N, C-alpha and C. Protein backbone atom coordinates (compact mmCIF):
# COMPACT_ATOMS: atom_id res chain seq x y z
N MET A 1 89.95 123.90 -38.99
CA MET A 1 91.32 123.67 -38.52
C MET A 1 91.75 124.74 -37.53
N LEU A 2 91.44 126.04 -37.81
CA LEU A 2 91.86 127.10 -36.92
C LEU A 2 91.27 126.93 -35.54
N SER A 3 89.98 126.56 -35.47
CA SER A 3 89.34 126.38 -34.18
C SER A 3 89.98 125.24 -33.40
N SER A 4 90.19 124.10 -34.07
CA SER A 4 90.79 122.96 -33.39
C SER A 4 92.22 123.26 -32.99
N LEU A 5 92.93 124.05 -33.79
CA LEU A 5 94.30 124.42 -33.45
C LEU A 5 94.32 125.26 -32.19
N LYS A 6 93.39 126.20 -32.05
CA LYS A 6 93.34 127.02 -30.85
C LYS A 6 93.09 126.15 -29.62
N HIS A 7 92.18 125.18 -29.74
CA HIS A 7 91.91 124.28 -28.62
C HIS A 7 93.15 123.47 -28.29
N ALA A 8 93.84 122.97 -29.31
CA ALA A 8 95.04 122.18 -29.09
C ALA A 8 96.11 123.02 -28.40
N SER A 9 96.23 124.28 -28.80
CA SER A 9 97.22 125.16 -28.19
C SER A 9 96.93 125.35 -26.71
N ARG A 10 95.66 125.53 -26.35
CA ARG A 10 95.32 125.67 -24.94
C ARG A 10 95.60 124.38 -24.19
N LEU A 11 95.33 123.26 -24.83
CA LEU A 11 95.54 121.96 -24.19
C LEU A 11 97.00 121.75 -23.87
N VAL A 12 97.89 121.89 -24.85
CA VAL A 12 99.30 121.61 -24.62
C VAL A 12 99.98 122.74 -23.88
N GLY A 13 99.49 123.96 -24.04
CA GLY A 13 100.13 125.08 -23.38
C GLY A 13 99.98 125.03 -21.88
N GLY A 14 98.82 124.59 -21.41
CA GLY A 14 98.61 124.51 -19.98
C GLY A 14 98.53 123.09 -19.48
N LEU A 15 98.81 122.11 -20.32
CA LEU A 15 98.67 120.71 -19.98
C LEU A 15 97.31 120.43 -19.36
N ARG A 16 96.28 121.02 -19.95
CA ARG A 16 94.92 120.80 -19.47
C ARG A 16 94.43 119.47 -20.01
N VAL A 17 94.13 118.59 -19.08
CA VAL A 17 93.72 117.27 -19.48
C VAL A 17 92.31 117.01 -18.98
N GLY A 18 91.97 115.76 -18.69
CA GLY A 18 90.63 115.48 -18.22
C GLY A 18 89.61 115.57 -19.32
N SER A 19 88.56 116.38 -19.09
CA SER A 19 87.46 116.45 -20.05
C SER A 19 87.92 116.93 -21.41
N GLN A 20 88.91 117.84 -21.46
CA GLN A 20 89.40 118.30 -22.75
C GLN A 20 90.05 117.16 -23.53
N ALA A 21 90.84 116.34 -22.84
CA ALA A 21 91.49 115.22 -23.52
C ALA A 21 90.45 114.23 -24.03
N ARG A 22 89.40 114.01 -23.27
CA ARG A 22 88.34 113.12 -23.74
C ARG A 22 87.73 113.66 -25.02
N GLY A 23 87.50 114.99 -25.06
CA GLY A 23 86.91 115.59 -26.24
C GLY A 23 87.82 115.46 -27.45
N PHE A 24 89.11 115.67 -27.25
CA PHE A 24 90.05 115.58 -28.36
C PHE A 24 90.20 114.15 -28.86
N ALA A 25 90.03 113.17 -27.96
CA ALA A 25 90.17 111.78 -28.38
C ALA A 25 89.07 111.38 -29.35
N SER A 26 87.97 112.13 -29.35
CA SER A 26 86.86 111.80 -30.24
C SER A 26 87.06 112.39 -31.63
N GLN A 27 88.14 113.15 -31.83
CA GLN A 27 88.42 113.71 -33.14
C GLN A 27 89.88 113.44 -33.48
N SER A 28 90.24 113.62 -34.71
CA SER A 28 91.62 113.44 -35.13
C SER A 28 92.13 114.72 -35.75
N PHE A 29 93.31 115.13 -35.33
CA PHE A 29 93.95 116.27 -35.96
C PHE A 29 94.54 115.80 -37.28
N THR A 30 94.55 116.68 -38.26
CA THR A 30 95.04 116.32 -39.59
C THR A 30 96.08 117.33 -40.06
N LEU A 31 96.89 116.90 -41.01
CA LEU A 31 97.94 117.77 -41.55
C LEU A 31 97.31 118.91 -42.35
N PRO A 32 97.61 120.15 -42.00
CA PRO A 32 97.02 121.27 -42.75
C PRO A 32 97.66 121.41 -44.13
N ASP A 33 96.85 121.80 -45.09
CA ASP A 33 97.38 122.11 -46.42
C ASP A 33 98.17 123.42 -46.35
N LEU A 34 99.15 123.56 -47.23
CA LEU A 34 99.91 124.80 -47.31
C LEU A 34 99.27 125.72 -48.35
N ALA A 35 99.48 127.02 -48.18
CA ALA A 35 98.92 128.00 -49.11
C ALA A 35 99.84 128.25 -50.29
N TYR A 36 100.90 127.46 -50.41
CA TYR A 36 101.89 127.64 -51.46
C TYR A 36 102.51 126.27 -51.76
N ASP A 37 103.16 126.16 -52.90
CA ASP A 37 103.84 124.92 -53.26
C ASP A 37 105.17 124.83 -52.52
N TYR A 38 105.67 123.61 -52.38
CA TYR A 38 106.92 123.42 -51.65
C TYR A 38 108.07 124.23 -52.23
N GLY A 39 108.13 124.35 -53.55
CA GLY A 39 109.25 125.03 -54.18
C GLY A 39 109.15 126.54 -54.20
N GLU A 40 108.02 127.09 -53.76
CA GLU A 40 107.82 128.54 -53.89
C GLU A 40 108.60 129.36 -52.87
N LEU A 41 109.18 128.71 -51.87
CA LEU A 41 109.96 129.45 -50.87
C LEU A 41 111.45 129.44 -51.18
N GLU A 42 111.82 128.82 -52.29
CA GLU A 42 113.24 128.83 -52.67
C GLU A 42 113.66 130.24 -53.11
N PRO A 43 114.91 130.63 -52.89
CA PRO A 43 116.01 129.82 -52.35
C PRO A 43 116.12 129.85 -50.83
N SER A 44 115.23 130.56 -50.14
CA SER A 44 115.34 130.64 -48.68
C SER A 44 115.20 129.26 -48.04
N ILE A 45 114.20 128.50 -48.50
CA ILE A 45 113.98 127.14 -48.02
C ILE A 45 113.72 126.27 -49.24
N SER A 46 114.47 125.21 -49.39
CA SER A 46 114.35 124.37 -50.58
C SER A 46 113.07 123.56 -50.56
N ALA A 47 112.63 123.15 -51.75
CA ALA A 47 111.45 122.31 -51.88
C ALA A 47 111.64 120.99 -51.14
N THR A 48 112.85 120.46 -51.16
CA THR A 48 113.13 119.19 -50.49
C THR A 48 112.90 119.29 -48.99
N ILE A 49 113.43 120.35 -48.39
CA ILE A 49 113.22 120.54 -46.95
C ILE A 49 111.74 120.75 -46.65
N MET A 50 111.08 121.58 -47.44
CA MET A 50 109.67 121.84 -47.18
C MET A 50 108.84 120.57 -47.23
N GLU A 51 109.08 119.74 -48.22
CA GLU A 51 108.29 118.51 -48.36
C GLU A 51 108.55 117.56 -47.20
N ILE A 52 109.81 117.36 -46.85
CA ILE A 52 110.13 116.46 -45.74
C ILE A 52 109.61 117.03 -44.42
N HIS A 53 109.81 118.32 -44.22
CA HIS A 53 109.40 118.96 -42.98
C HIS A 53 107.88 118.87 -42.78
N HIS A 54 107.15 119.14 -43.86
CA HIS A 54 105.69 119.13 -43.78
C HIS A 54 105.11 117.72 -43.74
N GLN A 55 105.47 116.90 -44.72
CA GLN A 55 104.84 115.59 -44.86
C GLN A 55 105.36 114.55 -43.88
N LYS A 56 106.61 114.69 -43.46
CA LYS A 56 107.19 113.68 -42.56
C LYS A 56 107.19 114.15 -41.11
N HIS A 57 107.87 115.24 -40.83
CA HIS A 57 108.01 115.68 -39.44
C HIS A 57 106.69 116.13 -38.84
N HIS A 58 106.00 117.07 -39.52
CA HIS A 58 104.74 117.55 -38.97
C HIS A 58 103.73 116.41 -38.88
N GLN A 59 103.66 115.59 -39.90
CA GLN A 59 102.70 114.47 -39.87
C GLN A 59 102.98 113.53 -38.70
N THR A 60 104.25 113.32 -38.38
CA THR A 60 104.59 112.43 -37.26
C THR A 60 104.08 113.00 -35.95
N TYR A 61 104.21 114.31 -35.75
CA TYR A 61 103.68 114.91 -34.53
C TYR A 61 102.16 114.71 -34.44
N ILE A 62 101.47 114.87 -35.55
CA ILE A 62 100.02 114.71 -35.56
C ILE A 62 99.64 113.26 -35.26
N THR A 63 100.30 112.33 -35.90
CA THR A 63 100.01 110.91 -35.67
C THR A 63 100.20 110.55 -34.20
N ASN A 64 101.30 111.00 -33.62
CA ASN A 64 101.59 110.68 -32.23
C ASN A 64 100.67 111.42 -31.26
N LEU A 65 100.26 112.63 -31.62
CA LEU A 65 99.31 113.37 -30.78
C LEU A 65 97.98 112.64 -30.73
N ASN A 66 97.47 112.25 -31.88
CA ASN A 66 96.20 111.54 -31.92
C ASN A 66 96.27 110.26 -31.10
N ALA A 67 97.37 109.52 -31.24
CA ALA A 67 97.52 108.27 -30.50
C ALA A 67 97.60 108.53 -28.99
N SER A 68 98.31 109.58 -28.59
CA SER A 68 98.46 109.90 -27.17
C SER A 68 97.14 110.32 -26.55
N LEU A 69 96.37 111.12 -27.28
CA LEU A 69 95.07 111.54 -26.76
C LEU A 69 94.10 110.37 -26.63
N GLU A 70 94.16 109.46 -27.56
CA GLU A 70 93.32 108.28 -27.48
C GLU A 70 93.70 107.42 -26.27
N LYS A 71 95.00 107.25 -26.05
CA LYS A 71 95.47 106.47 -24.90
C LYS A 71 95.10 107.17 -23.59
N TYR A 72 95.17 108.51 -23.60
CA TYR A 72 94.83 109.26 -22.40
C TYR A 72 93.36 109.05 -22.03
N ALA A 73 92.50 109.17 -23.03
CA ALA A 73 91.07 109.00 -22.78
C ALA A 73 90.78 107.59 -22.27
N ASP A 74 91.46 106.61 -22.82
CA ASP A 74 91.28 105.23 -22.37
C ASP A 74 91.75 105.07 -20.93
N ALA A 75 92.89 105.65 -20.60
CA ALA A 75 93.41 105.56 -19.24
C ALA A 75 92.49 106.26 -18.25
N GLU A 76 91.94 107.40 -18.66
CA GLU A 76 91.03 108.12 -17.77
C GLU A 76 89.76 107.33 -17.53
N ALA A 77 89.26 106.70 -18.59
CA ALA A 77 88.05 105.88 -18.45
C ALA A 77 88.28 104.73 -17.47
N LYS A 78 89.51 104.24 -17.41
CA LYS A 78 89.85 103.13 -16.51
C LYS A 78 90.28 103.62 -15.13
N GLY A 79 90.39 104.93 -14.96
CA GLY A 79 90.85 105.47 -13.70
C GLY A 79 92.33 105.23 -13.45
N ASP A 80 93.10 105.06 -14.52
CA ASP A 80 94.53 104.77 -14.41
C ASP A 80 95.30 106.10 -14.36
N VAL A 81 95.42 106.65 -13.15
CA VAL A 81 96.03 107.96 -12.99
C VAL A 81 97.50 107.93 -13.38
N ALA A 82 98.20 106.87 -13.05
CA ALA A 82 99.62 106.78 -13.39
C ALA A 82 99.83 106.87 -14.91
N ALA A 83 98.99 106.18 -15.66
CA ALA A 83 99.10 106.23 -17.13
C ALA A 83 98.74 107.61 -17.64
N MET A 84 97.74 108.24 -17.03
CA MET A 84 97.35 109.59 -17.45
C MET A 84 98.51 110.57 -17.27
N ILE A 85 99.19 110.48 -16.13
CA ILE A 85 100.32 111.37 -15.87
C ILE A 85 101.45 111.09 -16.85
N ALA A 86 101.70 109.81 -17.11
CA ALA A 86 102.80 109.43 -18.00
C ALA A 86 102.60 109.95 -19.42
N LEU A 87 101.35 110.11 -19.84
CA LEU A 87 101.05 110.53 -21.21
C LEU A 87 101.11 112.04 -21.42
N GLN A 88 101.15 112.80 -20.34
CA GLN A 88 101.12 114.25 -20.49
C GLN A 88 102.33 114.79 -21.25
N GLY A 89 103.49 114.17 -21.05
CA GLY A 89 104.68 114.61 -21.77
C GLY A 89 104.54 114.42 -23.27
N ALA A 90 103.97 113.29 -23.68
CA ALA A 90 103.78 113.02 -25.11
C ALA A 90 102.75 113.97 -25.70
N ILE A 91 101.71 114.30 -24.94
CA ILE A 91 100.70 115.24 -25.42
C ILE A 91 101.32 116.63 -25.60
N LYS A 92 102.12 117.04 -24.63
CA LYS A 92 102.76 118.35 -24.73
C LYS A 92 103.74 118.40 -25.91
N PHE A 93 104.56 117.37 -26.05
CA PHE A 93 105.57 117.38 -27.11
C PHE A 93 104.93 117.32 -28.50
N ASN A 94 104.07 116.36 -28.71
CA ASN A 94 103.47 116.19 -30.04
C ASN A 94 102.40 117.23 -30.32
N GLY A 95 101.64 117.61 -29.31
CA GLY A 95 100.67 118.68 -29.49
C GLY A 95 101.37 120.00 -29.78
N GLY A 96 102.47 120.25 -29.07
CA GLY A 96 103.26 121.45 -29.34
C GLY A 96 103.83 121.43 -30.75
N GLY A 97 104.29 120.24 -31.18
CA GLY A 97 104.81 120.13 -32.53
C GLY A 97 103.77 120.48 -33.58
N HIS A 98 102.53 120.05 -33.34
CA HIS A 98 101.45 120.37 -34.28
C HIS A 98 101.11 121.86 -34.25
N VAL A 99 100.94 122.41 -33.07
CA VAL A 99 100.60 123.82 -32.93
C VAL A 99 101.70 124.70 -33.54
N ASN A 100 102.93 124.42 -33.18
CA ASN A 100 104.05 125.25 -33.63
C ASN A 100 104.21 125.21 -35.14
N HIS A 101 104.14 124.02 -35.72
CA HIS A 101 104.35 123.91 -37.16
C HIS A 101 103.20 124.52 -37.95
N THR A 102 101.98 124.37 -37.46
CA THR A 102 100.85 124.97 -38.17
C THR A 102 101.02 126.48 -38.23
N LEU A 103 101.45 127.08 -37.13
CA LEU A 103 101.69 128.52 -37.12
C LEU A 103 102.88 128.87 -38.02
N PHE A 104 103.91 128.03 -38.00
CA PHE A 104 105.11 128.27 -38.80
C PHE A 104 104.77 128.35 -40.29
N TRP A 105 103.98 127.40 -40.79
CA TRP A 105 103.62 127.42 -42.22
C TRP A 105 102.88 128.71 -42.56
N GLU A 106 102.01 129.15 -41.65
CA GLU A 106 101.25 130.38 -41.90
C GLU A 106 102.13 131.62 -41.84
N ASN A 107 103.27 131.51 -41.14
CA ASN A 107 104.22 132.63 -41.07
C ASN A 107 104.87 132.93 -42.40
N LEU A 108 104.84 131.94 -43.31
CA LEU A 108 105.65 132.01 -44.53
C LEU A 108 104.80 132.26 -45.76
N ALA A 109 105.41 132.88 -46.75
CA ALA A 109 104.76 133.12 -48.04
C ALA A 109 105.85 133.36 -49.08
N PRO A 110 105.58 133.01 -50.32
CA PRO A 110 106.57 133.26 -51.37
C PRO A 110 106.85 134.75 -51.53
N SER A 111 108.06 135.06 -51.94
CA SER A 111 108.41 136.45 -52.23
C SER A 111 107.49 137.00 -53.31
N GLY A 112 106.96 138.18 -53.07
CA GLY A 112 106.03 138.79 -54.01
C GLY A 112 104.59 138.41 -53.76
N LYS A 113 104.36 137.45 -52.86
CA LYS A 113 103.00 137.01 -52.53
C LYS A 113 102.76 137.13 -51.02
N GLY A 114 103.35 138.17 -50.45
CA GLY A 114 103.22 138.40 -49.01
C GLY A 114 104.50 138.14 -48.25
N GLY A 115 105.42 137.38 -48.84
CA GLY A 115 106.67 137.08 -48.18
C GLY A 115 107.74 138.10 -48.48
N GLY A 116 108.55 138.40 -47.48
CA GLY A 116 109.69 139.28 -47.69
C GLY A 116 109.43 140.75 -47.52
N ASP A 117 108.21 141.13 -47.19
CA ASP A 117 107.94 142.53 -46.92
C ASP A 117 108.46 142.89 -45.53
N VAL A 118 108.18 144.07 -45.06
CA VAL A 118 108.57 144.47 -43.71
C VAL A 118 107.29 144.78 -42.92
N PRO A 119 107.36 144.72 -41.60
CA PRO A 119 106.18 145.05 -40.80
C PRO A 119 105.69 146.47 -41.08
N SER A 120 104.40 146.65 -40.94
CA SER A 120 103.82 147.98 -41.15
C SER A 120 102.76 148.23 -40.08
N GLY A 121 102.23 149.42 -40.06
CA GLY A 121 101.13 149.76 -39.16
C GLY A 121 101.49 149.63 -37.69
N GLU A 122 100.53 149.15 -36.90
CA GLU A 122 100.71 149.07 -35.45
C GLU A 122 101.81 148.09 -35.07
N LEU A 123 101.97 147.02 -35.84
CA LEU A 123 103.03 146.06 -35.54
C LEU A 123 104.39 146.72 -35.70
N ALA A 124 104.59 147.46 -36.78
CA ALA A 124 105.85 148.17 -36.98
C ALA A 124 106.10 149.16 -35.85
N SER A 125 105.07 149.86 -35.43
CA SER A 125 105.21 150.82 -34.33
C SER A 125 105.62 150.13 -33.05
N ALA A 126 105.03 148.94 -32.79
CA ALA A 126 105.38 148.20 -31.58
C ALA A 126 106.83 147.72 -31.62
N ILE A 127 107.25 147.22 -32.78
CA ILE A 127 108.63 146.74 -32.93
C ILE A 127 109.61 147.90 -32.80
N ASN A 128 109.33 149.00 -33.46
CA ASN A 128 110.22 150.16 -33.39
C ASN A 128 110.25 150.75 -31.98
N GLY A 129 109.09 150.72 -31.31
CA GLY A 129 109.04 151.25 -29.95
C GLY A 129 109.84 150.40 -28.97
N LYS A 130 109.89 149.10 -29.23
CA LYS A 130 110.59 148.18 -28.33
C LYS A 130 112.09 148.14 -28.62
N TRP A 131 112.46 148.05 -29.90
CA TRP A 131 113.86 147.83 -30.26
C TRP A 131 114.52 149.01 -30.99
N GLY A 132 113.74 150.01 -31.35
CA GLY A 132 114.32 151.18 -32.00
C GLY A 132 114.22 151.14 -33.51
N SER A 133 114.29 149.93 -34.09
CA SER A 133 114.17 149.79 -35.54
C SER A 133 113.93 148.32 -35.86
N PHE A 134 113.47 148.06 -37.07
CA PHE A 134 113.28 146.68 -37.51
C PHE A 134 114.61 145.94 -37.59
N ASP A 135 115.65 146.62 -38.05
CA ASP A 135 116.97 145.98 -38.13
C ASP A 135 117.49 145.61 -36.74
N ALA A 136 117.24 146.46 -35.76
CA ALA A 136 117.67 146.15 -34.39
C ALA A 136 116.90 144.95 -33.84
N PHE A 137 115.60 144.89 -34.16
CA PHE A 137 114.82 143.72 -33.76
C PHE A 137 115.40 142.45 -34.38
N LYS A 138 115.67 142.49 -35.69
CA LYS A 138 116.19 141.30 -36.37
C LYS A 138 117.51 140.85 -35.74
N ALA A 139 118.37 141.79 -35.42
CA ALA A 139 119.66 141.45 -34.84
C ALA A 139 119.48 140.73 -33.50
N GLU A 140 118.59 141.25 -32.66
CA GLU A 140 118.38 140.61 -31.35
C GLU A 140 117.64 139.29 -31.50
N PHE A 141 116.65 139.27 -32.37
CA PHE A 141 115.89 138.02 -32.57
C PHE A 141 116.82 136.92 -33.09
N ASN A 142 117.63 137.24 -34.07
CA ASN A 142 118.52 136.24 -34.66
C ASN A 142 119.55 135.74 -33.64
N ALA A 143 120.12 136.66 -32.88
CA ALA A 143 121.12 136.27 -31.89
C ALA A 143 120.52 135.39 -30.81
N THR A 144 119.33 135.76 -30.35
CA THR A 144 118.67 134.99 -29.30
C THR A 144 118.25 133.61 -29.80
N THR A 145 117.72 133.57 -31.01
CA THR A 145 117.23 132.31 -31.56
C THR A 145 118.38 131.40 -31.97
N ALA A 146 119.45 131.97 -32.51
CA ALA A 146 120.62 131.17 -32.89
C ALA A 146 121.24 130.51 -31.67
N ALA A 147 121.06 131.12 -30.50
CA ALA A 147 121.68 130.61 -29.28
C ALA A 147 120.87 129.51 -28.60
N VAL A 148 119.71 129.15 -29.15
CA VAL A 148 118.92 128.05 -28.58
C VAL A 148 119.77 126.79 -28.58
N GLN A 149 119.92 126.17 -27.43
CA GLN A 149 120.75 124.98 -27.33
C GLN A 149 119.97 123.76 -27.82
N GLY A 150 120.58 123.01 -28.72
CA GLY A 150 119.91 121.84 -29.25
C GLY A 150 118.78 122.24 -30.17
N SER A 151 117.59 121.77 -29.89
CA SER A 151 116.43 122.02 -30.75
C SER A 151 115.42 122.91 -30.04
N GLY A 152 114.72 123.73 -30.82
CA GLY A 152 113.72 124.59 -30.21
C GLY A 152 113.18 125.62 -31.18
N TRP A 153 112.63 126.69 -30.61
CA TRP A 153 111.96 127.73 -31.40
C TRP A 153 112.31 129.11 -30.87
N GLY A 154 112.37 130.07 -31.78
CA GLY A 154 112.45 131.47 -31.42
C GLY A 154 111.13 132.13 -31.74
N TRP A 155 110.67 133.01 -30.86
CA TRP A 155 109.34 133.60 -31.02
C TRP A 155 109.37 135.12 -30.87
N LEU A 156 108.68 135.80 -31.76
CA LEU A 156 108.21 137.15 -31.50
C LEU A 156 106.83 136.97 -30.90
N ALA A 157 106.64 137.48 -29.70
CA ALA A 157 105.40 137.21 -28.98
C ALA A 157 104.83 138.51 -28.41
N TYR A 158 103.58 138.40 -27.96
CA TYR A 158 102.93 139.52 -27.29
C TYR A 158 102.73 139.13 -25.83
N ASP A 159 103.21 139.99 -24.94
CA ASP A 159 103.07 139.76 -23.50
C ASP A 159 101.83 140.51 -23.01
N PRO A 160 100.76 139.78 -22.67
CA PRO A 160 99.53 140.48 -22.28
C PRO A 160 99.65 141.23 -20.96
N LYS A 161 100.59 140.84 -20.11
CA LYS A 161 100.76 141.56 -18.84
C LYS A 161 101.49 142.88 -19.07
N ALA A 162 102.55 142.84 -19.87
CA ALA A 162 103.31 144.07 -20.16
C ALA A 162 102.67 144.88 -21.27
N LYS A 163 101.72 144.24 -21.99
CA LYS A 163 101.07 144.88 -23.14
C LYS A 163 102.12 145.36 -24.15
N ASP A 164 103.04 144.46 -24.46
CA ASP A 164 104.13 144.82 -25.36
C ASP A 164 104.64 143.57 -26.07
N VAL A 165 105.37 143.77 -27.15
CA VAL A 165 105.97 142.65 -27.85
C VAL A 165 107.26 142.25 -27.15
N CYS A 166 107.69 141.01 -27.37
CA CYS A 166 108.90 140.52 -26.72
C CYS A 166 109.45 139.36 -27.54
N ILE A 167 110.68 138.97 -27.24
CA ILE A 167 111.31 137.81 -27.86
C ILE A 167 111.45 136.74 -26.79
N VAL A 168 111.00 135.54 -27.10
CA VAL A 168 111.16 134.41 -26.19
C VAL A 168 111.65 133.21 -26.98
N THR A 169 112.27 132.27 -26.31
CA THR A 169 112.66 131.02 -26.93
C THR A 169 112.07 129.87 -26.11
N CYS A 170 111.86 128.75 -26.78
CA CYS A 170 111.32 127.56 -26.13
C CYS A 170 112.12 126.34 -26.58
N PRO A 171 112.38 125.42 -25.67
CA PRO A 171 113.09 124.20 -26.06
C PRO A 171 112.16 123.20 -26.72
N ASN A 172 112.75 122.32 -27.50
CA ASN A 172 112.01 121.20 -28.09
C ASN A 172 110.77 121.68 -28.85
N GLN A 173 109.59 121.14 -28.49
CA GLN A 173 108.35 121.59 -29.13
C GLN A 173 107.43 122.31 -28.15
N ASP A 174 108.00 122.81 -27.06
CA ASP A 174 107.17 123.56 -26.12
C ASP A 174 106.54 124.74 -26.85
N PRO A 175 105.22 124.89 -26.78
CA PRO A 175 104.58 126.03 -27.46
C PRO A 175 104.85 127.34 -26.73
N CYS A 176 104.76 128.40 -27.47
CA CYS A 176 105.01 129.73 -26.92
C CYS A 176 104.10 130.03 -25.73
N SER A 177 102.91 129.48 -25.73
CA SER A 177 101.95 129.74 -24.65
C SER A 177 102.46 129.29 -23.29
N THR A 178 103.46 128.38 -23.25
CA THR A 178 104.00 127.94 -21.96
C THR A 178 104.79 129.05 -21.27
N THR A 179 105.10 130.12 -21.99
CA THR A 179 105.83 131.24 -21.41
C THR A 179 104.89 132.34 -20.91
N GLY A 180 103.60 132.14 -21.09
CA GLY A 180 102.63 133.15 -20.70
C GLY A 180 102.46 134.25 -21.73
N THR A 181 102.98 134.01 -22.93
CA THR A 181 102.86 135.00 -24.00
C THR A 181 102.06 134.43 -25.17
N VAL A 182 101.69 135.31 -26.10
CA VAL A 182 100.90 134.93 -27.26
C VAL A 182 101.81 134.89 -28.49
N PRO A 183 101.87 133.78 -29.22
CA PRO A 183 102.77 133.70 -30.37
C PRO A 183 102.33 134.59 -31.52
N LEU A 184 103.28 135.32 -32.07
CA LEU A 184 103.04 136.13 -33.26
C LEU A 184 103.81 135.58 -34.45
N LEU A 185 105.08 135.30 -34.24
CA LEU A 185 105.97 134.77 -35.28
C LEU A 185 106.86 133.72 -34.64
N GLY A 186 106.88 132.52 -35.19
CA GLY A 186 107.74 131.47 -34.68
C GLY A 186 108.68 130.96 -35.75
N ILE A 187 109.95 130.79 -35.39
CA ILE A 187 110.94 130.25 -36.31
C ILE A 187 111.47 128.94 -35.73
N ASP A 188 111.34 127.89 -36.50
CA ASP A 188 111.78 126.56 -36.12
C ASP A 188 113.30 126.46 -36.28
N VAL A 189 114.01 126.16 -35.20
CA VAL A 189 115.46 125.97 -35.31
C VAL A 189 115.87 124.54 -34.95
N TRP A 190 114.95 123.60 -35.11
CA TRP A 190 115.36 122.21 -35.15
C TRP A 190 116.19 122.03 -36.43
N GLU A 191 117.19 121.17 -36.41
CA GLU A 191 118.04 121.02 -37.59
C GLU A 191 117.27 120.53 -38.81
N HIS A 192 116.17 119.81 -38.60
CA HIS A 192 115.43 119.33 -39.78
C HIS A 192 114.83 120.48 -40.58
N ALA A 193 114.75 121.67 -39.97
CA ALA A 193 114.18 122.83 -40.67
C ALA A 193 115.16 123.48 -41.63
N TYR A 194 116.46 123.19 -41.47
CA TYR A 194 117.43 123.94 -42.29
C TYR A 194 118.69 123.19 -42.68
N TYR A 195 118.95 122.01 -42.11
CA TYR A 195 120.28 121.41 -42.27
C TYR A 195 120.62 121.06 -43.71
N LEU A 196 119.66 120.58 -44.47
CA LEU A 196 119.96 120.21 -45.86
C LEU A 196 120.40 121.42 -46.69
N ASP A 197 119.93 122.59 -46.32
CA ASP A 197 120.28 123.81 -47.06
C ASP A 197 121.47 124.55 -46.47
N TYR A 198 121.54 124.61 -45.14
CA TYR A 198 122.52 125.49 -44.49
C TYR A 198 123.51 124.73 -43.61
N LYS A 199 123.45 123.40 -43.64
CA LYS A 199 124.32 122.58 -42.80
C LYS A 199 124.19 123.04 -41.34
N ASN A 200 125.31 123.27 -40.66
CA ASN A 200 125.24 123.65 -39.24
C ASN A 200 125.29 125.17 -39.02
N VAL A 201 125.11 125.94 -40.10
CA VAL A 201 125.21 127.40 -39.97
C VAL A 201 123.81 127.99 -39.75
N ARG A 202 123.33 127.83 -38.54
CA ARG A 202 121.98 128.31 -38.20
C ARG A 202 121.79 129.80 -38.48
N PRO A 203 122.78 130.68 -38.21
CA PRO A 203 122.58 132.11 -38.49
C PRO A 203 122.27 132.41 -39.96
N ASP A 204 122.84 131.65 -40.89
CA ASP A 204 122.54 131.89 -42.31
C ASP A 204 121.08 131.59 -42.61
N TYR A 205 120.57 130.53 -42.03
CA TYR A 205 119.14 130.19 -42.17
C TYR A 205 118.27 131.30 -41.61
N LEU A 206 118.62 131.80 -40.45
CA LEU A 206 117.82 132.86 -39.83
C LEU A 206 117.85 134.14 -40.65
N ASN A 207 118.98 134.45 -41.25
CA ASN A 207 119.05 135.64 -42.11
C ASN A 207 118.20 135.47 -43.37
N ALA A 208 118.22 134.27 -43.94
CA ALA A 208 117.53 134.03 -45.22
C ALA A 208 116.02 133.96 -45.07
N ILE A 209 115.55 133.54 -43.92
CA ILE A 209 114.11 133.29 -43.80
C ILE A 209 113.28 134.57 -43.84
N TYR A 210 113.91 135.72 -43.57
CA TYR A 210 113.15 136.98 -43.63
C TYR A 210 112.62 137.25 -45.04
N ASP A 211 113.24 136.65 -46.04
CA ASP A 211 112.77 136.86 -47.41
C ASP A 211 111.43 136.19 -47.69
N VAL A 212 110.98 135.31 -46.78
CA VAL A 212 109.70 134.62 -46.99
C VAL A 212 108.78 134.72 -45.77
N ILE A 213 109.08 135.60 -44.84
CA ILE A 213 108.18 135.81 -43.70
C ILE A 213 106.98 136.64 -44.14
N ASN A 214 105.81 136.19 -43.77
CA ASN A 214 104.57 136.87 -44.11
C ASN A 214 104.17 137.78 -42.94
N TRP A 215 104.63 139.01 -42.99
CA TRP A 215 104.37 139.94 -41.89
C TRP A 215 102.90 140.35 -41.80
N GLY A 216 102.18 140.17 -42.89
CA GLY A 216 100.74 140.43 -42.84
C GLY A 216 100.05 139.50 -41.86
N LYS A 217 100.43 138.21 -41.88
CA LYS A 217 99.86 137.23 -40.95
C LYS A 217 100.28 137.55 -39.51
N VAL A 218 101.54 137.95 -39.36
CA VAL A 218 102.02 138.30 -38.02
C VAL A 218 101.22 139.48 -37.48
N ALA A 219 100.94 140.45 -38.32
CA ALA A 219 100.17 141.63 -37.91
C ALA A 219 98.75 141.24 -37.51
N GLU A 220 98.16 140.26 -38.21
CA GLU A 220 96.82 139.79 -37.85
C GLU A 220 96.82 139.21 -36.44
N ARG A 221 97.84 138.43 -36.12
CA ARG A 221 97.92 137.83 -34.78
C ARG A 221 98.14 138.90 -33.73
N PHE A 222 98.93 139.90 -34.07
CA PHE A 222 99.18 141.00 -33.13
C PHE A 222 97.89 141.72 -32.79
N THR A 223 97.08 142.00 -33.80
CA THR A 223 95.80 142.68 -33.56
C THR A 223 94.89 141.86 -32.67
N LYS A 224 94.82 140.54 -32.93
CA LYS A 224 93.97 139.67 -32.13
C LYS A 224 94.51 139.53 -30.70
N ALA A 225 95.83 139.48 -30.57
CA ALA A 225 96.42 139.31 -29.24
C ALA A 225 96.12 140.51 -28.34
N LYS A 226 96.05 141.68 -28.93
CA LYS A 226 95.79 142.89 -28.13
C LYS A 226 94.32 143.06 -27.78
N ALA A 227 93.45 142.41 -28.52
CA ALA A 227 92.01 142.63 -28.33
C ALA A 227 91.51 142.12 -26.98
């Protein structure tokens, strides 16, 4: 799954089609299993939201991605350039939905099982060097992410050009890679991620989710991003 996810991220991040799309059409992406039960993230995220978010929303992106890639490969085989161009939006949206959500699930862990700790080591040093403190980072991240208009994502990312961490936001299901950065931590601020628990108060959701963020996983991505 990790290998195919990396390929999918490159595909949707750069809208690379052609031979890559043909290769993906020969396989099907599948819904990843979670490393925890739906109810283990309560009270930050309810079991009801987790089940619907994972089984319904994420699965829909995967189903539509597989269908779009199959249609793309068929259009390419027929030399139907107009159809190929028309399908790129669906590949980006649904492929981004799959990439983003797979990373999102890995970002999370139950309290006491990796969730709710604070960054440590080189990641903590990078955050403190950029924002002065972890609390200052959280304040800026929450404010920036809460301000996303409509639906989208807030990201703690690594900028390979600046060789530093940064905060970026993306609309809809655009993956973080479309900004030229490497995703480290992504928070879904589509309403389906929080509305049943927090109604329209997005800042409350953003404050609560720190209790289940798995900073160990974020640190792993940071190390790989710098390599």
